[in-house]
Amino acid sequence: MNVREQTEKIEKNILCEYACKSDDEKFTRRERQEEKCPYRTDFQRDRDRILYCNAFRRLKRKTQVFLAPEGDHYRTRLTHTLEVAQVARTISRALRLNEDLTEAVALGHDIGHSPFGHCGEAVLNEICPHGFRHYMQSVRVAEKIENNGEGLNLTFAVRDGIECHTNMTAKTREGCVVRLADTIAYLNHDIEDSMRAGVLSYDEIPESVTRVLGKSKSERITSLVASVVEHGAENIDFMPEVRKAHDELKSFMFEKVYYNPSAKGEEGKAENLVRSLYSYFRENVSEMPDEYQKIARESDVDCAVCDYISGMSDEYAIRRYSEIFIPRPWK
C-alpha cells in the first residue's frame, strides 16, 4: 500500500461510524476524474488546493465587521477563516470525525465572499439579476473561476460543506461541524473587536448568556465547543441550554453590533461604491480582466460583473473606484 492507502486504512480504524471516510466514492467524487495522489487523501488535496488559491489569499484584505479599521488586531475575512478552521478541527478531533475534510470546508467556506463584508453581499444580491449569496459564490469560485477558469475540481463533500455552511444542513457531519464552528468563531471574535472599537463593553453582554457560556472569550468558546462534543456525532448541535444561550448571544450581537449605526457608519459609502462599479463595468465589459470578459461572452454580463466585483478585496475595490471616478491631478 502507498501512503494514501495506509492513511485511508487508519481512518477506518480510528474514525467514528458517522465520519466521512476518505475512500468513500460517494463523497470523494469530482466533476472531472483524476488520478489519485499516492501521498495525500482526496480531502487533504482539497485542503491544499484551497490554501494555495488566489481567492484564499485575497481574504486577508476583505472586511469581517469593521470597514478598513485602523489597527493591526482587528479581524479580517482571512483571520476569521483561520479561527473557524481551528474551532472546527478541535470539534472534529474530539468526535473522531474526518479532520482533513473539516479543515478543507472551513478554509474554503468564505472564498467567494464579497468586499465590505455582508454590506457588499447585500448590495450585490439586490442589483444582480441572478442574486448573490457568498456561500453559493464560494462554490462557484471553486468550480468555475479559480485556476484560470478551470476551477479547483474539489470533491463533492467539500463543495457541499461550503454551500451549506450558512443556513442549510450539510450531507456530512464534518460540514455540519463547520457551520457551528463558523458561528462560534465570529460571535466571539466580533465581541472582542467590538470592545476594541468601543462599540461594546463586557457589562452589556446579558447575564443569562455569561452565566451559561462564561465571561471571557476563552470561556465562551470552550463552553460552546464542549457542548457540541457532548451532544455527540450522530446529530451535530449544541446541548439545549447552550443552544438557548448561543441564540440569545447571536440576537444580542445583531442588535448591538451588526445593526449598530456606529459600527456601520461607513457602509452607505461602500454600498454606493459597489453600485457605481457594477454599473460602470456592466457598460464597459472590456475594462475587466480577460477571464471575466470570457465569462461575459460565455454566460452573461451580469454574471461576469458580479464575479469580478465579488472577488475584489476592499482595497482593490476602492482603488478601482478612484481610478474610474476620481479626477487625477494634472502632471
Protein backbone atom coordinates (compact mmCIF):
# COMPACT_ATOMS: atom_id res chain seq x y z
CA MET A 1 0.00 0.00 0.00
CA ASN A 2 1.11 3.56 -0.67
CA VAL A 3 0.96 6.32 1.94
CA ARG A 4 -2.55 7.44 0.96
CA GLU A 5 -3.92 3.90 1.15
CA GLN A 6 -2.32 3.45 4.57
CA THR A 7 -3.97 6.67 5.76
CA GLU A 8 -7.35 5.51 4.45
CA LYS A 9 -6.93 2.21 6.30
CA ILE A 10 -6.02 4.02 9.53
CA GLU A 11 -9.13 6.20 9.19
CA LYS A 12 -11.36 3.12 9.17
CA ASN A 13 -9.83 2.02 12.47
CA ILE A 14 -9.90 5.32 14.35
CA LEU A 15 -12.76 7.43 12.97
CA CYS A 16 -16.27 7.06 14.36
CA GLU A 17 -19.11 5.45 12.46
CA TYR A 18 -20.56 8.82 11.44
CA ALA A 19 -17.31 10.17 9.97
CA CYS A 20 -16.88 10.65 6.23
CA LYS A 21 -14.07 8.35 5.16
CA SER A 22 -11.54 9.49 2.57
CA ASP A 23 -12.13 6.44 0.36
CA ASP A 24 -15.92 6.87 0.22
CA GLU A 25 -16.56 7.32 -3.51
CA LYS A 26 -19.96 8.90 -2.87
CA PHE A 27 -18.32 11.88 -1.18
CA THR A 28 -14.93 11.99 -2.92
CA ARG A 29 -16.25 12.15 -6.47
CA ARG A 30 -15.10 15.13 -8.53
CA GLU A 31 -16.61 16.77 -11.59
CA ARG A 32 -13.51 15.68 -13.53
CA GLN A 33 -11.96 12.33 -12.78
CA GLU A 34 -8.35 12.48 -11.58
CA GLU A 35 -5.63 10.02 -10.75
CA LYS A 36 -5.30 9.55 -7.00
CA CYS A 37 -2.34 11.09 -5.18
CA PRO A 38 -0.03 8.42 -3.68
CA TYR A 39 0.61 10.53 -0.57
CA ARG A 40 -2.48 12.59 0.19
CA THR A 41 -6.12 11.62 0.60
CA ASP A 42 -8.67 13.40 -1.58
CA PHE A 43 -9.69 15.70 1.26
CA GLN A 44 -6.06 16.57 2.01
CA ARG A 45 -5.62 17.52 -1.65
CA ASP A 46 -8.73 19.72 -1.48
CA ARG A 47 -7.43 21.49 1.61
CA ASP A 48 -4.14 22.21 -0.17
CA ARG A 49 -5.84 23.46 -3.33
CA ILE A 50 -7.94 25.92 -1.34
CA LEU A 51 -4.99 27.08 0.73
CA TYR A 52 -2.94 27.92 -2.37
CA CYS A 53 -5.67 29.52 -4.48
CA ASN A 54 -5.87 33.25 -5.26
CA ALA A 55 -9.29 33.73 -3.66
CA PHE A 56 -8.00 32.46 -0.32
CA ARG A 57 -5.13 34.98 -0.28
CA ARG A 58 -7.48 37.87 -1.06
CA LEU A 59 -9.37 37.18 2.17
CA LYS A 60 -6.60 38.98 4.06
CA ARG A 61 -7.87 42.30 2.67
CA LYS A 62 -11.60 41.72 3.00
CA THR A 63 -13.75 43.12 5.80
CA GLN A 64 -15.05 40.95 8.60
CA VAL A 65 -17.18 43.50 10.51
CA PHE A 66 -15.39 46.85 10.69
CA LEU A 67 -14.56 48.51 7.36
CA ALA A 68 -10.87 49.39 6.93
CA PRO A 69 -10.14 49.50 10.69
CA GLU A 70 -7.09 51.42 11.87
CA GLY A 71 -5.28 48.82 13.92
CA ASP A 72 -3.42 45.57 13.39
CA HIS A 73 -5.57 43.42 15.66
CA TYR A 74 -9.00 43.64 14.06
CA ARG A 75 -10.15 40.51 12.27
CA THR A 76 -10.23 40.22 8.51
CA ARG A 77 -12.06 37.61 6.49
CA LEU A 78 -8.82 35.58 6.45
CA THR A 79 -8.21 35.57 10.20
CA HIS A 80 -11.88 34.70 10.68
CA THR A 81 -11.42 31.73 8.35
CA LEU A 82 -8.38 30.51 10.28
CA GLU A 83 -10.27 30.73 13.58
CA VAL A 84 -13.19 28.78 12.09
CA ALA A 85 -10.76 26.10 10.92
CA GLN A 86 -9.21 25.83 14.36
CA VAL A 87 -12.55 25.52 16.17
CA ALA A 88 -13.83 23.04 13.60
CA ARG A 89 -10.74 20.84 13.85
CA THR A 90 -10.98 20.77 17.63
CA ILE A 91 -14.58 19.58 17.48
CA SER A 92 -13.92 17.01 14.75
CA ARG A 93 -10.91 15.62 16.58
CA ALA A 94 -12.91 15.18 19.77
CA LEU A 95 -15.78 13.49 17.92
CA ARG A 96 -13.38 11.33 15.84
CA LEU A 97 -14.65 12.82 12.57
CA ASN A 98 -12.51 13.45 9.49
CA GLU A 99 -10.30 16.44 10.34
CA ASP A 100 -8.98 16.84 6.81
CA LEU A 101 -12.46 17.16 5.34
CA THR A 102 -13.44 19.51 8.14
CA GLU A 103 -10.44 21.75 7.57
CA ALA A 104 -10.94 21.84 3.79
CA VAL A 105 -14.54 23.00 4.19
CA ALA A 106 -13.56 25.56 6.84
CA LEU A 107 -10.75 27.05 4.76
CA GLY A 108 -12.98 27.29 1.69
CA HIS A 109 -16.23 28.45 3.26
CA ASP A 110 -15.73 32.17 2.55
CA ILE A 111 -13.54 32.24 -0.58
CA GLY A 112 -16.44 33.75 -2.53
CA HIS A 113 -17.23 36.47 -0.01
CA SER A 114 -17.67 39.97 -1.36
CA PRO A 115 -15.64 43.04 -0.33
CA PHE A 116 -17.01 45.14 2.55
CA GLY A 117 -18.46 42.15 4.37
CA HIS A 118 -22.18 41.45 4.40
CA CYS A 119 -22.84 45.02 3.26
CA GLY A 120 -21.21 44.22 -0.09
CA GLU A 121 -23.07 40.92 -0.23
CA ALA A 122 -26.45 42.62 0.31
CA VAL A 123 -25.83 45.18 -2.44
CA LEU A 124 -24.76 42.57 -5.00
CA ASN A 125 -27.78 40.44 -4.10
CA GLU A 126 -30.02 43.43 -4.72
CA ILE A 127 -28.61 44.65 -8.03
CA CYS A 128 -27.54 41.41 -9.73
CA PRO A 129 -30.49 39.75 -11.52
CA HIS A 130 -29.12 36.33 -10.53
CA GLY A 131 -28.92 37.28 -6.86
CA PHE A 132 -25.81 36.84 -4.76
CA ARG A 133 -25.08 34.70 -1.73
CA HIS A 134 -21.50 34.38 -0.55
CA TYR A 135 -21.78 30.66 0.18
CA MET A 136 -23.01 29.93 -3.35
CA GLN A 137 -20.31 32.20 -4.75
CA SER A 138 -17.68 30.31 -2.77
CA VAL A 139 -18.73 27.14 -4.58
CA ARG A 140 -18.73 29.00 -7.90
CA VAL A 141 -15.21 30.31 -7.25
CA ALA A 142 -14.04 26.77 -6.56
CA GLU A 143 -15.84 25.28 -9.58
CA LYS A 144 -15.68 27.93 -12.30
CA ILE A 145 -13.36 30.86 -11.54
CA GLU A 146 -10.15 29.70 -9.88
CA ASN A 147 -7.27 28.19 -11.84
CA ASN A 148 -7.88 30.33 -14.95
CA GLY A 149 -11.47 29.22 -15.21
CA GLU A 150 -10.72 25.52 -14.78
CA GLY A 151 -11.77 25.50 -11.13
CA LEU A 152 -10.24 23.56 -8.27
CA ASN A 153 -12.17 20.36 -9.04
CA LEU A 154 -12.97 19.75 -5.38
CA THR A 155 -14.70 16.68 -4.02
CA PHE A 156 -18.46 16.62 -3.56
CA ALA A 157 -18.18 16.58 0.25
CA VAL A 158 -16.10 19.77 0.36
CA ARG A 159 -18.33 21.62 -2.11
CA ASP A 160 -21.43 20.53 -0.20
CA GLY A 161 -19.97 21.67 3.13
CA ILE A 162 -19.06 25.09 1.71
CA GLU A 163 -22.50 25.56 0.18
CA CYS A 164 -24.31 24.57 3.38
CA HIS A 165 -22.21 26.44 5.96
CA THR A 166 -24.70 29.29 6.48
CA ASN A 167 -28.29 28.08 6.56
CA MET A 168 -28.54 24.52 5.23
CA THR A 169 -27.72 21.07 6.58
CA ALA A 170 -24.64 19.52 5.01
CA LYS A 171 -24.64 15.89 3.94
CA THR A 172 -21.62 15.11 6.13
CA ARG A 173 -21.14 15.55 9.86
CA GLU A 174 -17.93 17.41 9.08
CA GLY A 175 -19.86 20.01 7.07
CA CYS A 176 -22.29 20.41 9.97
CA VAL A 177 -19.35 20.96 12.32
CA VAL A 178 -18.06 23.83 10.16
CA ARG A 179 -21.46 25.52 10.24
CA LEU A 180 -21.35 25.61 14.05
CA ALA A 181 -17.65 26.49 14.13
CA ASP A 182 -18.40 29.49 11.91
CA THR A 183 -20.90 30.95 14.35
CA ILE A 184 -18.74 30.08 17.39
CA ALA A 185 -15.79 31.91 15.83
CA TYR A 186 -17.49 35.03 14.54
CA LEU A 187 -19.65 35.69 17.59
CA ASN A 188 -16.67 35.56 19.89
CA HIS A 189 -14.09 37.39 17.82
CA ASP A 190 -16.67 40.02 16.87
CA ILE A 191 -17.29 40.64 20.58
CA GLU A 192 -13.56 41.18 21.05
CA ASP A 193 -13.28 43.51 18.05
CA SER A 194 -16.38 45.43 19.12
CA MET A 195 -14.90 46.02 22.54
CA ARG A 196 -11.64 47.14 20.95
CA ALA A 197 -13.64 49.57 18.82
CA GLY A 198 -15.57 50.95 21.81
CA VAL A 199 -18.89 49.75 20.40
CA LEU A 200 -19.49 47.20 23.15
CA SER A 201 -18.48 46.64 26.78
CA TYR A 202 -18.35 43.47 28.84
CA ASP A 203 -21.15 44.53 31.18
CA GLU A 204 -23.58 44.84 28.25
CA ILE A 205 -23.50 41.13 27.47
CA PRO A 206 -26.63 39.57 29.02
CA GLU A 207 -26.06 37.85 32.35
CA SER A 208 -28.16 34.92 31.16
CA VAL A 209 -25.50 34.37 28.46
CA THR A 210 -22.39 34.79 30.61
CA ARG A 211 -23.84 32.53 33.29
CA VAL A 212 -24.04 29.64 30.82
CA LEU A 213 -21.13 30.36 28.47
CA GLY A 214 -18.70 32.30 30.65
CA LYS A 215 -17.42 35.87 30.68
CA SER A 216 -14.21 35.67 28.66
CA LYS A 217 -13.71 34.75 25.02
CA SER A 218 -11.83 31.62 26.04
CA GLU A 219 -14.58 30.53 28.42
CA ARG A 220 -17.32 31.09 25.84
CA ILE A 221 -15.52 29.19 23.08
CA THR A 222 -14.69 26.34 25.46
CA SER A 223 -18.33 26.10 26.59
CA LEU A 224 -19.67 26.11 23.05
CA VAL A 225 -17.14 23.57 21.74
CA ALA A 226 -17.65 21.29 24.75
CA SER A 227 -21.40 21.44 24.21
CA VAL A 228 -21.11 20.26 20.61
CA VAL A 229 -18.82 17.42 21.66
CA GLU A 230 -21.17 16.44 24.48
CA HIS A 231 -24.12 16.42 22.08
CA GLY A 232 -22.30 13.80 20.01
CA ALA A 233 -21.54 13.00 16.40
CA GLU A 234 -24.90 11.49 15.47
CA ASN A 235 -26.61 14.88 15.41
CA ILE A 236 -24.24 17.87 15.36
CA ASP A 237 -25.62 20.62 17.58
CA PHE A 238 -25.28 22.36 20.93
CA MET A 239 -26.85 20.98 24.08
CA PRO A 240 -30.27 22.61 24.73
CA GLU A 241 -29.21 25.07 27.45
CA VAL A 242 -26.14 26.15 25.50
CA ARG A 243 -28.17 26.42 22.28
CA LYS A 244 -30.51 28.84 24.05
CA ALA A 245 -27.58 30.93 25.33
CA HIS A 246 -25.92 30.88 21.90
CA ASP A 247 -29.08 32.08 20.17
CA GLU A 248 -29.55 34.84 22.74
CA LEU A 249 -25.95 35.98 22.24
CA LYS A 250 -26.42 35.99 18.47
CA SER A 251 -29.56 38.13 18.72
CA PHE A 252 -27.76 40.48 21.09
CA MET A 253 -24.85 40.90 18.67
CA PHE A 254 -27.16 41.69 15.76
CA GLU A 255 -28.89 44.35 17.80
CA LYS A 256 -25.81 45.90 19.43
CA VAL A 257 -23.13 45.47 16.76
CA TYR A 258 -24.18 44.19 13.34
CA TYR A 259 -27.01 46.75 13.05
CA ASN A 260 -25.30 49.42 15.15
CA PRO A 261 -25.04 52.76 13.26
CA SER A 262 -21.71 53.45 14.97
CA ALA A 263 -20.17 50.26 13.59
CA LYS A 264 -21.88 50.61 10.22
CA GLY A 265 -21.45 54.33 9.64
CA GLU A 266 -19.31 53.90 6.51
CA GLU A 267 -21.44 51.19 4.91
CA GLY A 268 -23.53 53.68 2.93
CA LYS A 269 -20.36 54.78 1.13
CA ALA A 270 -19.38 51.17 0.49
CA GLU A 271 -22.83 50.46 -0.96
CA ASN A 272 -22.56 53.42 -3.34
CA LEU A 273 -19.08 52.29 -4.37
CA VAL A 274 -20.26 48.78 -5.23
CA ARG A 275 -23.28 50.12 -7.14
CA SER A 276 -21.09 52.51 -9.12
CA LEU A 277 -18.56 49.83 -10.02
CA TYR A 278 -21.32 47.43 -11.04
CA SER A 279 -22.98 49.97 -13.35
CA TYR A 280 -19.66 51.00 -14.85
CA PHE A 281 -18.36 47.54 -15.66
CA ARG A 282 -21.73 46.44 -16.97
CA GLU A 283 -21.37 49.14 -19.61
CA ASN A 284 -17.61 48.73 -20.04
CA VAL A 285 -17.01 44.99 -20.13
CA SER A 286 -13.72 45.42 -22.00
CA GLU A 287 -12.17 47.08 -18.94
CA MET A 288 -12.50 43.93 -16.85
CA PRO A 289 -9.69 41.33 -16.86
CA ASP A 290 -9.74 38.79 -19.67
CA GLU A 291 -11.14 35.94 -17.56
CA TYR A 292 -14.25 37.97 -16.71
CA GLN A 293 -14.69 39.11 -20.30
CA LYS A 294 -14.72 35.41 -21.19
CA ILE A 295 -17.46 34.78 -18.62
CA ALA A 296 -19.46 37.67 -20.12
CA ARG A 297 -19.20 36.07 -23.57
CA GLU A 298 -19.95 32.53 -22.47
CA SER A 299 -22.55 33.29 -19.78
CA ASP A 300 -23.82 36.86 -19.42
CA VAL A 301 -22.58 40.30 -18.46
CA ASP A 302 -24.27 40.45 -15.04
CA CYS A 303 -22.70 37.16 -14.04
CA ALA A 304 -19.26 38.36 -15.12
CA VAL A 305 -19.53 41.73 -13.37
CA CYS A 306 -20.77 40.09 -10.17
CA ASP A 307 -17.90 37.59 -10.28
CA TYR A 308 -15.37 40.38 -10.80
CA ILE A 309 -16.62 42.69 -8.06
CA SER A 310 -17.25 39.95 -5.51
CA GLY A 311 -13.67 38.77 -5.94
CA MET A 312 -12.22 42.20 -5.16
CA SER A 313 -10.55 42.97 -1.87
CA ASP A 314 -11.73 46.12 -0.09
CA GLU A 315 -8.57 47.97 -1.08
CA TYR A 316 -8.73 46.92 -4.72
CA ALA A 317 -12.39 47.96 -4.99
CA ILE A 318 -11.56 51.38 -3.56
CA ARG A 319 -8.58 51.73 -5.91
CA ARG A 320 -10.64 50.82 -8.98
CA TYR A 321 -13.35 53.26 -7.93
CA SER A 322 -10.76 56.02 -7.53
CA GLU A 323 -9.21 55.27 -10.92
CA ILE A 324 -12.59 55.44 -12.63
CA PHE A 325 -14.49 58.16 -10.79
CA ILE A 326 -11.98 60.43 -9.02
CA PRO A 327 -10.25 63.06 -11.21
CA ARG A 328 -6.50 62.76 -11.34
CA PRO A 329 -4.33 65.86 -10.86
CA TRP A 330 -2.65 67.23 -13.97
CA LYS A 331 1.03 66.30 -14.20
